[in-house]
């Protein structure tokens, strides 16, 4: 079948069928309004394909996630975050020479202009790090004004700059929050080692990056690098459709990610664990509470909107989480509660039947806490990982031959034509 048939008001219409490379099928309604006067209504866009993309494939029923066709399991085992970034940017795995050159380009741009650094003085110490991150990223457009038009050369250069500078901005925001001096990048270190150094070192003493921690962070960033048309990525594509510059486009993605229904979920996991701990640590009590319909309590970090099976990223990160906690030998009551909660939920028929497995947010929150990352900075870490995907989608949209400014329709449900009553007659 190459056409879908639709009958409206006694008239027949044929709509094209679009088939993706993984046999995903869609009805093309591009001409629906022009041909019929009707539009589609799909609150939350759960059944709407906003674009065609060759970046990431997800099969939520089978628990499949692939970047450019490569399974996430393979990339997690064999790749690095910068290699994955290259893959997302340029649609292929790099050669050794290409990866070395790409890495060198990234590390060359880790510094911030000193005037950008001065911006941090204007934020209160208790500012949410996502507010700081979004503000500073957007301000970068003022420092690279000549490249706002962004031809392919400028777009590529600014993509590298963003990939290089976002960890520096994130680390500076953290140092500001705790009253410590900001630590400049050290480009002799790897990407993740450099970030950890900027976060946790001080001028007063030598700092040694724990290799296992850097490896764990690199893995977390890979697992978050892209996830198809989620809220923040769709926001990036929509804002880019206006041809906003890359800085503004990525800022919009950061702001969308901030919400607790999206990137803020791993922060809520730790808050939930803190609540259970404060109440005596009775995990069984909260497992039972989560089953009750007459309560607002939810087990955060369980289940996923897309995956109806085990989140493939969660399988990978669970093993990594166990290795990291074992290596660090951290005695944290919240981490103990987390492991107990995970075990209880995986054995409980209520959660098993509904396939409410621990997801990537559950494990990532635990790992970030073990690393010493403050809870409020968890979403910032998510943004660091998701950046290559955002950039790839912005680039893809820019080169879409039929691209146009996004302009969703609506069904109006307000009052019909109403009389204007002068203010003196409004009772």
Protein backbone atom coordinates (compact mmCIF):
# COMPACT_ATOMS: atom_id res chain seq x y z
CA UNK A 1 0.00 0.00 0.00
CA UNK A 2 1.50 3.31 -1.15
CA UNK A 3 -1.50 5.50 -0.33
CA UNK A 4 -3.80 5.93 2.67
CA UNK A 5 -7.45 6.57 1.82
CA UNK A 6 -9.44 9.17 3.73
CA UNK A 7 -13.11 10.00 3.36
CA UNK A 8 -14.22 13.44 4.55
CA UNK A 9 -17.61 15.01 3.94
CA UNK A 10 -18.39 12.39 1.32
CA UNK A 11 -15.20 12.99 -0.65
CA UNK A 12 -12.26 10.59 -0.99
CA UNK A 13 -8.66 11.63 -0.60
CA UNK A 14 -5.40 9.74 -0.97
CA UNK A 15 -2.44 10.47 1.30
CA UNK A 16 1.11 9.25 0.58
CA UNK A 17 2.69 6.57 2.78
CA UNK A 18 6.29 7.24 3.86
CA UNK A 19 8.46 4.27 4.90
CA UNK A 20 11.70 4.69 6.81
CA UNK A 21 14.83 2.57 6.53
CA UNK A 22 13.73 0.53 9.57
CA UNK A 23 10.24 0.00 8.10
CA UNK A 24 8.66 2.71 10.22
CA UNK A 25 5.51 3.88 8.44
CA UNK A 26 3.88 7.29 8.37
CA UNK A 27 0.97 8.95 6.60
CA UNK A 28 2.15 12.16 4.94
CA UNK A 29 -0.42 14.87 5.79
CA UNK A 30 1.58 17.77 4.35
CA UNK A 31 -1.19 18.71 1.92
CA UNK A 32 -4.12 17.76 4.19
CA UNK A 33 -5.22 21.30 5.09
CA UNK A 34 -4.79 22.63 1.58
CA UNK A 35 -6.76 19.73 0.08
CA UNK A 36 -9.47 19.22 2.70
CA UNK A 37 -9.60 22.22 5.05
CA UNK A 38 -8.92 19.84 7.97
CA UNK A 39 -5.87 19.58 10.22
CA UNK A 40 -4.74 16.77 12.51
CA UNK A 41 -4.96 17.07 16.30
CA UNK A 42 -2.31 15.21 18.29
CA UNK A 43 -1.78 16.66 21.77
CA UNK A 44 1.81 16.13 22.83
CA UNK A 45 2.73 15.00 19.28
CA UNK A 46 2.81 11.36 20.40
CA UNK A 47 1.64 10.14 17.00
CA UNK A 48 3.19 12.82 14.82
CA UNK A 49 6.43 12.57 12.90
CA UNK A 50 7.88 16.07 12.88
CA UNK A 51 10.69 15.27 10.46
CA UNK A 52 12.68 12.64 8.63
CA UNK A 53 16.09 12.09 10.21
CA UNK A 54 19.09 9.83 9.68
CA UNK A 55 20.69 10.47 13.09
CA UNK A 56 19.15 8.13 15.67
CA UNK A 57 16.84 5.11 15.57
CA UNK A 58 14.79 3.94 18.55
CA UNK A 59 12.51 0.92 18.83
CA UNK A 60 10.89 1.30 22.23
CA UNK A 61 9.16 -2.07 22.11
CA UNK A 62 12.36 -3.99 21.41
CA UNK A 63 14.64 -1.78 23.50
CA UNK A 64 16.83 -0.69 20.56
CA UNK A 65 18.88 2.51 20.35
CA UNK A 66 21.33 3.22 17.51
CA UNK A 67 23.36 6.30 16.55
CA UNK A 68 23.83 6.45 12.75
CA UNK A 69 22.97 2.75 12.65
CA UNK A 70 25.51 1.67 15.29
CA UNK A 71 23.98 0.00 18.39
CA UNK A 72 24.45 1.92 21.62
CA UNK A 73 25.86 -1.24 23.23
CA UNK A 74 28.73 -1.27 20.73
CA UNK A 75 29.48 2.43 21.10
CA UNK A 76 29.39 2.16 24.89
CA UNK A 77 31.93 -0.66 24.82
CA UNK A 78 34.28 0.48 22.07
CA UNK A 79 33.92 4.20 21.50
CA UNK A 80 34.56 7.49 23.29
CA UNK A 81 32.38 10.55 23.71
CA UNK A 82 34.39 12.64 21.25
CA UNK A 83 34.32 9.83 18.70
CA UNK A 84 30.54 9.60 19.12
CA UNK A 85 30.35 13.38 18.73
CA UNK A 86 32.26 13.09 15.45
CA UNK A 87 29.88 10.34 14.32
CA UNK A 88 26.84 12.50 15.06
CA UNK A 89 28.37 15.62 13.46
CA UNK A 90 29.75 14.06 10.26
CA UNK A 91 27.66 10.91 9.73
CA UNK A 92 30.59 8.49 9.91
CA UNK A 93 33.14 7.05 12.29
CA UNK A 94 36.44 8.90 12.04
CA UNK A 95 39.78 7.45 11.07
CA UNK A 96 42.52 7.65 13.68
CA UNK A 97 43.89 10.78 12.02
CA UNK A 98 40.46 12.39 11.79
CA UNK A 99 39.69 11.69 15.45
CA UNK A 100 43.05 13.05 16.54
CA UNK A 101 42.51 16.23 14.53
CA UNK A 102 38.94 16.59 15.83
CA UNK A 103 40.08 16.11 19.43
CA UNK A 104 42.83 18.67 18.98
CA UNK A 105 40.33 21.18 17.57
CA UNK A 106 37.99 20.68 20.52
CA UNK A 107 40.70 20.99 23.15
CA UNK A 108 42.05 24.15 21.50
CA UNK A 109 38.76 25.94 22.20
CA UNK A 110 38.19 25.07 25.88
CA UNK A 111 39.08 28.55 27.15
CA UNK A 112 36.47 31.24 27.69
CA UNK A 113 36.98 34.89 26.86
CA UNK A 114 37.85 36.70 30.08
CA UNK A 115 34.83 38.98 29.65
CA UNK A 116 32.62 35.88 29.62
CA UNK A 117 34.25 34.78 32.84
CA UNK A 118 33.27 38.13 34.36
CA UNK A 119 29.59 37.32 33.76
CA UNK A 120 29.65 34.79 36.55
CA UNK A 121 30.13 37.63 39.06
CA UNK A 122 26.63 38.83 38.22
CA UNK A 123 24.90 35.60 39.27
CA UNK A 124 23.94 34.94 42.89
CA UNK A 125 25.81 32.05 44.47
CA UNK A 126 22.62 30.04 44.84
CA UNK A 127 21.62 30.41 41.18
CA UNK A 128 20.50 27.17 39.59
CA UNK A 129 23.38 25.96 37.39
CA UNK A 130 21.00 25.45 34.45
CA UNK A 131 20.08 29.13 34.59
CA UNK A 132 23.76 30.04 34.52
CA UNK A 133 24.52 27.56 31.74
CA UNK A 134 21.71 28.82 29.50
CA UNK A 135 22.56 32.48 30.12
CA UNK A 136 26.27 32.13 29.38
CA UNK A 137 25.75 29.95 26.29
CA UNK A 138 23.32 32.47 24.84
CA UNK A 139 25.76 35.30 25.56
CA UNK A 140 28.39 33.60 23.39
CA UNK A 141 26.51 34.98 20.38
CA UNK A 142 27.69 38.43 21.49
CA UNK A 143 31.32 37.28 21.32
CA UNK A 144 31.05 35.66 17.89
CA UNK A 145 28.81 38.18 16.17
CA UNK A 146 30.54 37.96 12.79
CA UNK A 147 29.58 34.31 12.57
CA UNK A 148 25.91 34.65 13.37
CA UNK A 149 24.93 34.03 9.75
CA UNK A 150 26.58 30.64 10.05
CA UNK A 151 27.49 29.28 6.71
CA UNK A 152 28.77 25.69 6.85
CA UNK A 153 32.25 26.81 7.89
CA UNK A 154 31.01 28.98 10.73
CA UNK A 155 28.49 26.35 11.83
CA UNK A 156 31.21 23.73 12.08
CA UNK A 157 33.57 26.06 13.92
CA UNK A 158 30.89 27.10 16.39
CA UNK A 159 29.89 23.47 16.92
CA UNK A 160 33.45 22.73 17.98
CA UNK A 161 33.49 25.80 20.21
CA UNK A 162 30.30 24.73 21.96
CA UNK A 163 31.53 21.19 22.49
CA UNK A 164 34.76 22.59 23.95
CA UNK A 165 33.36 25.39 26.09
CA UNK A 166 30.24 23.86 27.62
CA UNK A 167 32.22 21.82 30.21
CA UNK A 168 34.20 24.95 31.13
CA UNK A 169 30.99 26.95 31.62
CA UNK A 170 29.47 24.16 33.71
CA UNK A 171 32.57 23.88 35.91
CA UNK A 172 32.83 27.66 36.37
CA UNK A 173 29.17 27.76 37.46
CA UNK A 174 29.89 25.11 40.08
CA UNK A 175 32.99 26.88 41.39
CA UNK A 176 30.98 30.10 41.66
CA UNK A 177 28.32 28.32 43.73
CA UNK A 178 30.81 27.09 46.33
CA UNK A 179 32.98 30.21 46.49
CA UNK A 180 36.11 28.62 45.05
CA UNK A 181 38.38 30.11 42.36
CA UNK A 182 37.63 29.02 38.82
CA UNK A 183 40.09 26.53 37.42
CA UNK A 184 41.22 27.05 33.86
CA UNK A 185 41.16 24.15 31.40
CA UNK A 186 44.19 21.89 31.10
CA UNK A 187 44.33 20.75 27.50
CA UNK A 188 46.90 18.06 28.24
CA UNK A 189 44.08 16.09 29.86
CA UNK A 190 41.34 14.19 28.08
CA UNK A 191 37.90 15.75 27.59
CA UNK A 192 36.39 14.16 30.71
CA UNK A 193 39.55 14.40 32.80
CA UNK A 194 39.68 18.11 32.02
CA UNK A 195 36.11 18.61 33.18
CA UNK A 196 36.68 16.74 36.43
CA UNK A 197 39.83 18.77 37.03
CA UNK A 198 37.98 22.07 36.52
CA UNK A 199 35.22 20.86 38.84
CA UNK A 200 37.18 19.46 41.74
CA UNK A 201 40.76 20.76 41.73
CA UNK A 202 41.97 23.84 43.61
CA UNK A 203 45.11 25.97 43.33
CA UNK A 204 46.10 24.90 46.85
CA UNK A 205 46.99 21.29 46.16
CA UNK A 206 47.66 18.75 43.46
CA UNK A 207 44.69 16.98 41.96
CA UNK A 208 44.69 13.53 40.43
CA UNK A 209 41.76 12.41 38.31
CA UNK A 210 40.55 8.94 39.19
CA UNK A 211 40.69 7.06 35.85
CA UNK A 212 37.57 5.02 36.60
CA UNK A 213 35.63 8.21 37.27
CA UNK A 214 36.69 9.75 33.96
CA UNK A 215 35.76 6.52 32.16
CA UNK A 216 32.36 6.43 33.87
CA UNK A 217 31.70 10.05 32.92
CA UNK A 218 32.67 9.39 29.29
CA UNK A 219 30.22 6.49 29.21
CA UNK A 220 27.42 8.60 30.69
CA UNK A 221 27.96 11.27 28.06
CA UNK A 222 27.84 8.67 25.26
CA UNK A 223 24.56 7.25 26.56
CA UNK A 224 23.00 10.72 26.60
CA UNK A 225 24.42 11.97 23.29
CA UNK A 226 21.14 11.72 21.37
CA UNK A 227 17.69 10.27 21.79
CA UNK A 228 15.72 11.13 18.69
CA UNK A 229 12.81 13.63 18.90
CA UNK A 230 12.56 14.27 22.62
CA UNK A 231 11.35 17.58 24.04
CA UNK A 232 14.70 19.40 24.02
CA UNK A 233 15.78 18.08 20.61
CA UNK A 234 12.44 19.00 19.06
CA UNK A 235 12.85 22.44 20.63
CA UNK A 236 16.28 22.76 19.02
CA UNK A 237 14.86 21.88 15.61
CA UNK A 238 11.94 24.28 16.02
CA UNK A 239 14.12 27.21 17.09
CA UNK A 240 16.63 26.45 14.34
CA UNK A 241 13.76 26.58 11.84
CA UNK A 242 13.65 30.36 12.39
CA UNK A 243 17.38 30.37 11.44
CA UNK A 244 18.34 31.54 14.91
CA UNK A 245 22.10 31.27 15.42
CA UNK A 246 23.57 28.13 16.93
CA UNK A 247 24.13 29.74 20.36
CA UNK A 248 20.47 30.73 20.67
CA UNK A 249 19.33 27.38 19.28
CA UNK A 250 21.30 25.37 21.82
CA UNK A 251 20.22 27.71 24.63
CA UNK A 252 16.62 26.83 23.81
CA UNK A 253 17.50 23.14 24.07
CA UNK A 254 19.13 23.70 27.46
CA UNK A 255 16.03 25.49 28.75
CA UNK A 256 13.73 22.72 27.51
CA UNK A 257 15.94 20.09 29.12
CA UNK A 258 15.70 21.86 32.49
CA UNK A 259 12.15 20.69 33.23
CA UNK A 260 11.61 17.87 35.76
CA UNK A 261 9.68 15.86 33.16
CA UNK A 262 12.78 15.80 30.98
CA UNK A 263 16.39 16.34 32.03
CA UNK A 264 15.52 17.10 35.62
CA UNK A 265 14.37 13.53 36.25
CA UNK A 266 17.70 12.28 37.62
CA UNK A 267 17.71 15.15 40.11
CA UNK A 268 14.28 14.02 41.26
CA UNK A 269 15.60 10.49 41.76
CA UNK A 270 18.07 11.71 44.38
CA UNK A 271 15.39 13.90 46.00
CA UNK A 272 13.16 10.82 46.27
CA UNK A 273 15.96 8.76 47.80
CA UNK A 274 16.56 11.57 50.29
CA UNK A 275 12.87 11.52 51.20
CA UNK A 276 12.95 7.76 51.83
CA UNK A 277 16.13 8.10 53.90
CA UNK A 278 14.67 10.92 56.00
CA UNK A 279 11.63 8.74 56.70
CA UNK A 280 13.73 5.93 58.13
CA UNK A 281 14.81 4.19 54.94
CA UNK A 282 11.82 1.82 54.73
CA UNK A 283 12.01 0.94 51.03
CA UNK A 284 9.11 -1.55 51.13
CA UNK A 285 6.81 1.19 52.47
CA UNK A 286 7.47 3.40 49.44
CA UNK A 287 7.25 0.55 46.95
CA UNK A 288 3.75 -0.17 48.29
CA UNK A 289 2.92 3.54 48.34
CA UNK A 290 3.80 3.84 44.66
CA UNK A 291 1.19 1.21 43.80
CA UNK A 292 -1.68 3.13 45.36
CA UNK A 293 -3.88 5.16 43.03
CA UNK A 294 -4.97 7.60 45.74
CA UNK A 295 -1.47 8.96 46.34
CA UNK A 296 0.67 11.38 44.38
CA UNK A 297 3.90 9.58 45.25
CA UNK A 298 5.81 8.11 42.29
CA UNK A 299 8.97 6.11 42.12
CA UNK A 300 11.21 8.43 40.11
CA UNK A 301 13.58 6.83 37.64
CA UNK A 302 11.33 3.90 36.73
CA UNK A 303 9.70 3.37 33.34
CA UNK A 304 10.12 5.43 30.18
CA UNK A 305 7.80 7.22 27.76
CA UNK A 306 9.42 5.56 24.73
CA UNK A 307 10.79 2.25 25.98
CA UNK A 308 8.17 -0.39 26.72
CA UNK A 309 10.93 -2.79 27.57
CA UNK A 310 14.18 -2.33 29.47
CA UNK A 311 15.90 0.91 28.51
CA UNK A 312 19.04 -0.33 26.66
CA UNK A 313 21.03 2.52 28.21
CA UNK A 314 19.97 1.42 31.68
CA UNK A 315 21.36 -2.08 31.10
CA UNK A 316 24.75 -0.58 30.23
CA UNK A 317 24.81 2.01 32.96
CA UNK A 318 23.76 -0.44 35.70
CA UNK A 319 26.97 -2.44 35.23
CA UNK A 320 29.00 0.76 35.09
CA UNK A 321 27.31 2.01 38.24
CA UNK A 322 28.17 -1.18 40.12
CA UNK A 323 31.81 -0.96 38.98
CA UNK A 324 32.15 2.69 39.96
CA UNK A 325 30.61 2.28 43.40
CA UNK A 326 32.80 -0.73 44.04
CA UNK A 327 35.91 1.19 42.99
CA UNK A 328 35.14 4.33 44.99
CA UNK A 329 34.03 2.40 48.09
CA UNK A 330 31.64 5.15 49.04
CA UNK A 331 29.51 4.70 52.13
CA UNK A 332 26.46 6.73 51.17
CA UNK A 333 23.08 5.79 52.68
CA UNK A 334 21.22 7.11 49.61
CA UNK A 335 23.17 4.79 47.34
CA UNK A 336 22.32 1.87 49.60
CA UNK A 337 18.63 2.79 49.46
CA UNK A 338 18.84 3.03 45.68
CA UNK A 339 20.20 -0.50 45.32
CA UNK A 340 17.58 -1.83 47.73
CA UNK A 341 14.84 0.00 45.83
CA UNK A 342 16.06 -1.33 42.49
CA UNK A 343 16.08 -4.90 43.80
CA UNK A 344 12.61 -4.59 45.33
CA UNK A 345 11.04 -3.13 42.19
CA UNK A 346 12.58 -5.71 39.84
CA UNK A 347 11.07 -8.51 41.95
CA UNK A 348 7.65 -6.94 42.45
CA UNK A 349 4.93 -8.22 40.09
CA UNK A 350 3.30 -4.78 39.92
CA UNK A 351 6.38 -3.21 38.35
CA UNK A 352 7.40 -6.24 36.29
CA UNK A 353 3.95 -6.59 34.67
CA UNK A 354 3.92 -2.86 33.80
CA UNK A 355 7.56 -3.02 32.66
CA UNK A 356 8.50 -0.23 35.05
CA UNK A 357 12.18 -0.98 35.02
CA UNK A 358 14.85 1.36 36.37
CA UNK A 359 15.76 3.76 33.58
CA UNK A 360 18.86 5.75 32.66
CA UNK A 361 17.85 8.61 34.98
CA UNK A 362 17.81 6.29 37.98
CA UNK A 363 21.35 5.04 37.50
CA UNK A 364 22.87 8.28 36.21
CA UNK A 365 21.73 10.15 39.31
CA UNK A 366 23.39 7.56 41.52
CA UNK A 367 26.63 7.71 39.53
CA UNK A 368 26.79 11.49 39.50
CA UNK A 369 26.25 11.55 43.24
CA UNK A 370 29.04 9.02 43.70
CA UNK A 371 31.34 11.27 41.66
CA UNK A 372 30.58 14.24 43.88
CA UNK A 373 28.48 16.10 41.32
CA UNK A 374 25.93 18.26 43.20
CA UNK A 375 22.34 17.22 42.72
CA UNK A 376 21.34 20.54 41.16
CA UNK A 377 24.05 20.05 38.54
CA UNK A 378 22.73 16.69 37.32
CA UNK A 379 20.74 18.31 34.51
CA UNK A 380 23.85 20.23 33.48
CA UNK A 381 25.61 16.88 33.05
CA UNK A 382 22.70 15.75 30.90
CA UNK A 383 23.17 18.86 28.73
CA UNK A 384 26.90 18.14 28.32
CA UNK A 385 26.05 14.71 26.98
CA UNK A 386 23.11 15.74 24.79
CA UNK A 387 24.98 18.63 23.11
CA UNK A 388 26.35 16.63 20.12
CA UNK A 389 22.86 15.36 19.34
CA UNK A 390 21.39 18.86 19.50
CA UNK A 391 24.07 20.16 17.16
CA UNK A 392 23.56 17.24 14.75
CA UNK A 393 19.82 17.93 14.59
CA UNK A 394 20.34 21.66 14.09
CA UNK A 395 22.76 20.88 11.26
CA UNK A 396 20.41 18.33 9.72
CA UNK A 397 17.52 20.79 9.78
CA UNK A 398 19.68 23.51 8.21
CA UNK A 399 20.43 21.24 5.22
CA UNK A 400 16.87 19.95 4.83
CA UNK A 401 15.87 20.92 1.25
CA UNK A 402 12.23 21.53 2.19
CA UNK A 403 12.96 23.24 5.53
CA UNK A 404 10.60 26.02 6.54
CA UNK A 405 9.86 27.81 9.77
CA UNK A 406 7.88 25.51 12.07
CA UNK A 407 4.32 26.70 12.60
CA UNK A 408 1.97 24.20 14.28
CA UNK A 409 -1.77 24.72 13.95
CA UNK A 410 -4.39 24.58 16.70
CA UNK A 411 -8.08 23.98 17.30
CA UNK A 412 -9.48 27.14 18.86
CA UNK A 413 -11.86 26.52 21.80
CA UNK A 414 -12.34 30.06 23.15
CA UNK A 415 -15.36 32.36 22.85
CA UNK A 416 -16.72 33.32 19.46
CA UNK A 417 -17.02 36.96 18.40
CA UNK A 418 -17.51 38.96 21.59
CA UNK A 419 -18.64 42.53 22.18
CA UNK A 420 -16.18 45.05 23.58
CA UNK A 421 -17.73 46.60 26.70
CA UNK A 422 -16.39 50.06 27.66
CA UNK A 423 -14.66 50.03 31.04
CA UNK A 424 -17.24 52.30 32.66
CA UNK A 425 -19.99 49.75 31.86
CA UNK A 426 -18.28 46.61 33.15
CA UNK A 427 -19.95 46.61 36.53
